């Protein structure tokens, strides 16, 4: 059964950070439903990338999160399944 998952990735603000994060999703043959990034931190030295991806099962979402955590510039990864208000 497929679900929608949300990933929030915090990384160093390097020119290669955003493409590296998005490349992880492409390895699984998916295009994100939603992707948003912004610089953060006092010195604007952090990059926060939020990605929403539908059509995933729990196992695939876990594998994506583990792969994101192994990226060189990534400092943290948060992820969860998106639940509709009607399901709550």
N, C-alpha and C. Protein backbone atom coordinates (compact mmCIF):
# COMPACT_ATOMS: atom_id res chain seq x y z
N UNK A 1 0.85 -1.18 0.00
CA UNK A 1 0.00 0.00 0.00
C UNK A 1 0.89 1.24 0.00
N UNK A 2 0.60 2.20 -0.85
CA UNK A 2 1.44 3.39 -0.95
C UNK A 2 0.85 4.53 -0.13
N UNK A 3 1.75 5.34 0.37
CA UNK A 3 1.39 6.46 1.22
C UNK A 3 2.19 7.69 0.80
N UNK A 4 1.91 8.80 1.44
CA UNK A 4 2.67 10.03 1.23
C UNK A 4 3.55 10.25 2.45
N UNK A 5 4.82 10.55 2.20
CA UNK A 5 5.78 10.80 3.27
C UNK A 5 6.38 12.19 3.11
N UNK A 6 6.71 12.80 4.24
CA UNK A 6 7.34 14.11 4.27
C UNK A 6 8.74 13.96 4.84
N UNK A 7 9.71 14.57 4.19
CA UNK A 7 11.10 14.52 4.61
C UNK A 7 11.58 15.95 4.81
N UNK A 8 12.27 16.19 5.91
CA UNK A 8 12.89 17.49 6.15
C UNK A 8 14.39 17.24 6.38
N UNK A 9 15.19 17.80 5.50
CA UNK A 9 16.63 17.55 5.51
C UNK A 9 17.35 18.85 5.82
N UNK A 10 18.23 18.81 6.80
CA UNK A 10 19.06 19.96 7.12
C UNK A 10 20.49 19.62 6.70
N UNK A 11 21.09 20.53 5.95
CA UNK A 11 22.43 20.30 5.42
C UNK A 11 23.24 21.59 5.44
N UNK A 12 24.53 21.45 5.22
CA UNK A 12 25.37 22.63 5.07
C UNK A 12 24.94 23.34 3.79
N UNK A 13 25.00 24.66 3.80
CA UNK A 13 24.61 25.45 2.62
C UNK A 13 25.74 25.45 1.61
N UNK A 14 25.89 24.33 0.93
CA UNK A 14 26.89 24.19 -0.12
C UNK A 14 26.17 24.10 -1.47
N UNK A 15 26.81 24.53 -2.55
CA UNK A 15 26.15 24.47 -3.86
C UNK A 15 25.71 23.05 -4.25
N UNK A 16 26.38 22.03 -3.74
CA UNK A 16 26.05 20.66 -4.11
C UNK A 16 25.01 20.01 -3.20
N UNK A 17 24.62 20.65 -2.11
CA UNK A 17 23.71 20.01 -1.15
C UNK A 17 22.33 19.73 -1.73
N UNK A 18 21.71 20.70 -2.37
CA UNK A 18 20.37 20.50 -2.90
C UNK A 18 20.33 19.41 -3.98
N UNK A 19 21.23 19.44 -4.98
CA UNK A 19 21.20 18.36 -5.97
C UNK A 19 21.45 16.98 -5.36
N UNK A 20 22.30 16.90 -4.35
CA UNK A 20 22.56 15.61 -3.71
C UNK A 20 21.31 15.08 -3.03
N UNK A 21 20.59 15.95 -2.34
CA UNK A 21 19.36 15.54 -1.66
C UNK A 21 18.33 15.06 -2.69
N UNK A 22 18.12 15.84 -3.72
CA UNK A 22 17.12 15.47 -4.73
C UNK A 22 17.51 14.22 -5.50
N UNK A 23 18.79 13.98 -5.66
CA UNK A 23 19.27 12.80 -6.37
C UNK A 23 18.84 11.52 -5.66
N UNK A 24 18.78 11.55 -4.34
CA UNK A 24 18.35 10.36 -3.59
C UNK A 24 16.95 9.95 -4.02
N UNK A 25 16.06 10.90 -4.19
CA UNK A 25 14.70 10.58 -4.60
C UNK A 25 14.67 10.05 -6.03
N UNK A 26 15.52 10.58 -6.90
CA UNK A 26 15.53 10.13 -8.28
C UNK A 26 16.04 8.69 -8.39
N UNK A 27 16.89 8.26 -7.46
CA UNK A 27 17.38 6.89 -7.47
C UNK A 27 16.26 5.87 -7.33
N UNK A 28 15.17 6.28 -6.71
CA UNK A 28 14.02 5.40 -6.53
C UNK A 28 12.96 5.61 -7.61
N UNK A 29 13.29 6.40 -8.63
CA UNK A 29 12.40 6.59 -9.77
C UNK A 29 11.19 7.46 -9.49
N UNK A 30 11.32 8.36 -8.53
CA UNK A 30 10.19 9.21 -8.16
C UNK A 30 10.50 10.69 -8.35
N UNK A 31 9.47 11.43 -8.67
CA UNK A 31 9.55 12.89 -8.72
C UNK A 31 8.78 13.41 -7.52
N UNK A 32 9.38 14.27 -6.70
CA UNK A 32 8.67 14.78 -5.52
C UNK A 32 7.37 15.50 -5.89
N UNK A 33 6.35 15.31 -5.05
CA UNK A 33 5.10 16.05 -5.21
C UNK A 33 5.31 17.52 -4.86
N UNK A 34 6.17 17.74 -3.89
CA UNK A 34 6.42 19.09 -3.39
C UNK A 34 7.87 19.14 -2.91
N UNK A 35 8.55 20.24 -3.23
CA UNK A 35 9.92 20.43 -2.76
C UNK A 35 10.12 21.91 -2.47
N UNK A 36 10.65 22.18 -1.30
CA UNK A 36 10.88 23.57 -0.88
C UNK A 36 12.22 23.62 -0.18
N UNK A 37 13.03 24.60 -0.50
CA UNK A 37 14.31 24.76 0.19
C UNK A 37 14.52 26.22 0.56
N UNK A 38 15.23 26.41 1.66
CA UNK A 38 15.58 27.78 2.05
C UNK A 38 16.83 27.75 2.91
N UNK A 39 17.54 28.88 2.86
CA UNK A 39 18.71 29.04 3.71
C UNK A 39 18.25 29.37 5.13
N UNK A 40 18.99 28.89 6.09
CA UNK A 40 18.63 29.11 7.49
C UNK A 40 19.90 29.33 8.31
N UNK A 41 19.71 29.59 9.58
CA UNK A 41 20.84 29.83 10.48
C UNK A 41 21.21 31.29 10.50
N UNK A 42 21.85 31.68 11.55
CA UNK A 42 22.25 33.10 11.70
C UNK A 42 23.13 33.58 10.56
N UNK A 43 24.03 32.73 10.13
CA UNK A 43 24.95 33.12 9.06
C UNK A 43 24.49 32.61 7.69
N UNK A 44 23.22 32.15 7.62
CA UNK A 44 22.70 31.58 6.38
C UNK A 44 23.60 30.46 5.88
N UNK A 45 24.13 29.67 6.81
CA UNK A 45 25.07 28.60 6.46
C UNK A 45 24.42 27.22 6.51
N UNK A 46 23.11 27.18 6.66
CA UNK A 46 22.38 25.92 6.67
C UNK A 46 21.34 25.95 5.55
N UNK A 47 21.08 24.79 4.99
CA UNK A 47 20.06 24.64 3.96
C UNK A 47 19.03 23.66 4.48
N UNK A 48 17.76 24.05 4.44
CA UNK A 48 16.67 23.17 4.85
C UNK A 48 15.89 22.81 3.58
N UNK A 49 15.74 21.51 3.35
CA UNK A 49 15.03 21.02 2.17
C UNK A 49 13.86 20.18 2.65
N UNK A 50 12.65 20.59 2.31
CA UNK A 50 11.44 19.84 2.66
C UNK A 50 10.89 19.21 1.38
N UNK A 51 10.68 17.90 1.44
CA UNK A 51 10.21 17.15 0.28
C UNK A 51 9.00 16.33 0.68
N UNK A 52 7.98 16.36 -0.16
CA UNK A 52 6.79 15.53 0.04
C UNK A 52 6.71 14.57 -1.13
N UNK A 53 6.57 13.28 -0.83
CA UNK A 53 6.59 12.27 -1.87
C UNK A 53 5.46 11.27 -1.65
N UNK A 54 4.62 11.10 -2.66
CA UNK A 54 3.55 10.11 -2.57
C UNK A 54 3.95 8.86 -3.33
N UNK A 55 3.18 7.80 -3.11
CA UNK A 55 3.44 6.55 -3.83
C UNK A 55 4.52 5.69 -3.22
N UNK A 56 4.89 5.95 -1.98
CA UNK A 56 5.93 5.18 -1.31
C UNK A 56 5.31 4.21 -0.30
N UNK A 57 6.00 3.11 -0.07
CA UNK A 57 5.62 2.26 1.05
C UNK A 57 6.59 2.56 2.20
N UNK A 58 6.30 2.06 3.37
CA UNK A 58 7.09 2.37 4.56
C UNK A 58 8.54 1.94 4.40
N UNK A 59 8.78 0.78 3.83
CA UNK A 59 10.14 0.29 3.65
C UNK A 59 10.97 1.21 2.77
N UNK A 60 10.38 1.66 1.67
CA UNK A 60 11.09 2.57 0.76
C UNK A 60 11.36 3.91 1.43
N UNK A 61 10.40 4.43 2.18
CA UNK A 61 10.60 5.70 2.89
C UNK A 61 11.74 5.58 3.89
N UNK A 62 11.83 4.45 4.59
CA UNK A 62 12.93 4.24 5.54
C UNK A 62 14.27 4.19 4.82
N UNK A 63 14.31 3.51 3.68
CA UNK A 63 15.56 3.44 2.91
C UNK A 63 15.99 4.81 2.41
N UNK A 64 15.03 5.61 1.96
CA UNK A 64 15.35 6.97 1.51
C UNK A 64 15.90 7.79 2.66
N UNK A 65 15.27 7.72 3.83
CA UNK A 65 15.74 8.48 4.99
C UNK A 65 17.15 8.07 5.39
N UNK A 66 17.43 6.77 5.38
CA UNK A 66 18.79 6.30 5.74
C UNK A 66 19.82 6.79 4.72
N UNK A 67 19.45 6.75 3.45
CA UNK A 67 20.39 7.22 2.41
C UNK A 67 20.64 8.72 2.55
N UNK A 68 19.60 9.49 2.84
CA UNK A 68 19.76 10.94 3.04
C UNK A 68 20.70 11.22 4.20
N UNK A 69 20.58 10.46 5.28
CA UNK A 69 21.41 10.67 6.46
C UNK A 69 22.89 10.41 6.17
N UNK A 70 23.18 9.61 5.16
CA UNK A 70 24.57 9.29 4.82
C UNK A 70 25.23 10.31 3.90
N UNK A 71 24.48 11.27 3.38
CA UNK A 71 25.06 12.27 2.50
C UNK A 71 26.07 13.12 3.25
N UNK A 72 27.12 13.49 2.59
CA UNK A 72 28.24 14.21 3.21
C UNK A 72 27.82 15.49 3.91
N UNK A 73 27.03 16.32 3.29
CA UNK A 73 26.72 17.63 3.85
C UNK A 73 25.50 17.64 4.78
N UNK A 74 24.79 16.52 4.89
CA UNK A 74 23.55 16.46 5.68
C UNK A 74 23.86 16.35 7.17
N UNK A 75 23.18 17.19 7.95
CA UNK A 75 23.36 17.16 9.40
C UNK A 75 22.20 16.51 10.14
N UNK A 76 20.99 16.53 9.56
CA UNK A 76 19.85 15.84 10.18
C UNK A 76 18.77 15.56 9.15
N UNK A 77 18.00 14.50 9.43
CA UNK A 77 16.87 14.12 8.57
C UNK A 77 15.70 13.78 9.48
N UNK A 78 14.58 14.43 9.24
CA UNK A 78 13.33 14.10 9.91
C UNK A 78 12.35 13.64 8.84
N UNK A 79 11.56 12.61 9.16
CA UNK A 79 10.59 12.15 8.17
C UNK A 79 9.40 11.54 8.89
N UNK A 80 8.25 11.61 8.22
CA UNK A 80 7.04 11.05 8.79
C UNK A 80 6.04 10.79 7.67
N UNK A 81 5.05 9.95 7.99
CA UNK A 81 3.98 9.70 7.05
C UNK A 81 2.96 10.81 7.18
N UNK A 82 2.49 11.31 6.05
CA UNK A 82 1.48 12.36 6.06
C UNK A 82 0.11 11.71 6.24
N UNK A 83 -0.61 12.19 7.21
CA UNK A 83 -1.95 11.65 7.49
C UNK A 83 -2.98 12.71 7.14
N UNK A 84 -4.05 12.31 6.53
CA UNK A 84 -5.12 13.27 6.24
C UNK A 84 -5.89 13.56 7.51
N UNK A 85 -6.54 14.70 7.56
CA UNK A 85 -7.32 15.09 8.74
C UNK A 85 -8.47 14.12 8.98
N UNK A 86 -9.01 13.54 7.93
CA UNK A 86 -10.13 12.60 8.06
C UNK A 86 -9.69 11.29 8.71
N UNK A 87 -8.39 10.93 8.54
CA UNK A 87 -7.89 9.67 9.10
C UNK A 87 -7.52 9.80 10.56
N UNK A 88 -7.43 11.01 11.07
CA UNK A 88 -6.96 11.22 12.44
C UNK A 88 -8.03 10.95 13.46
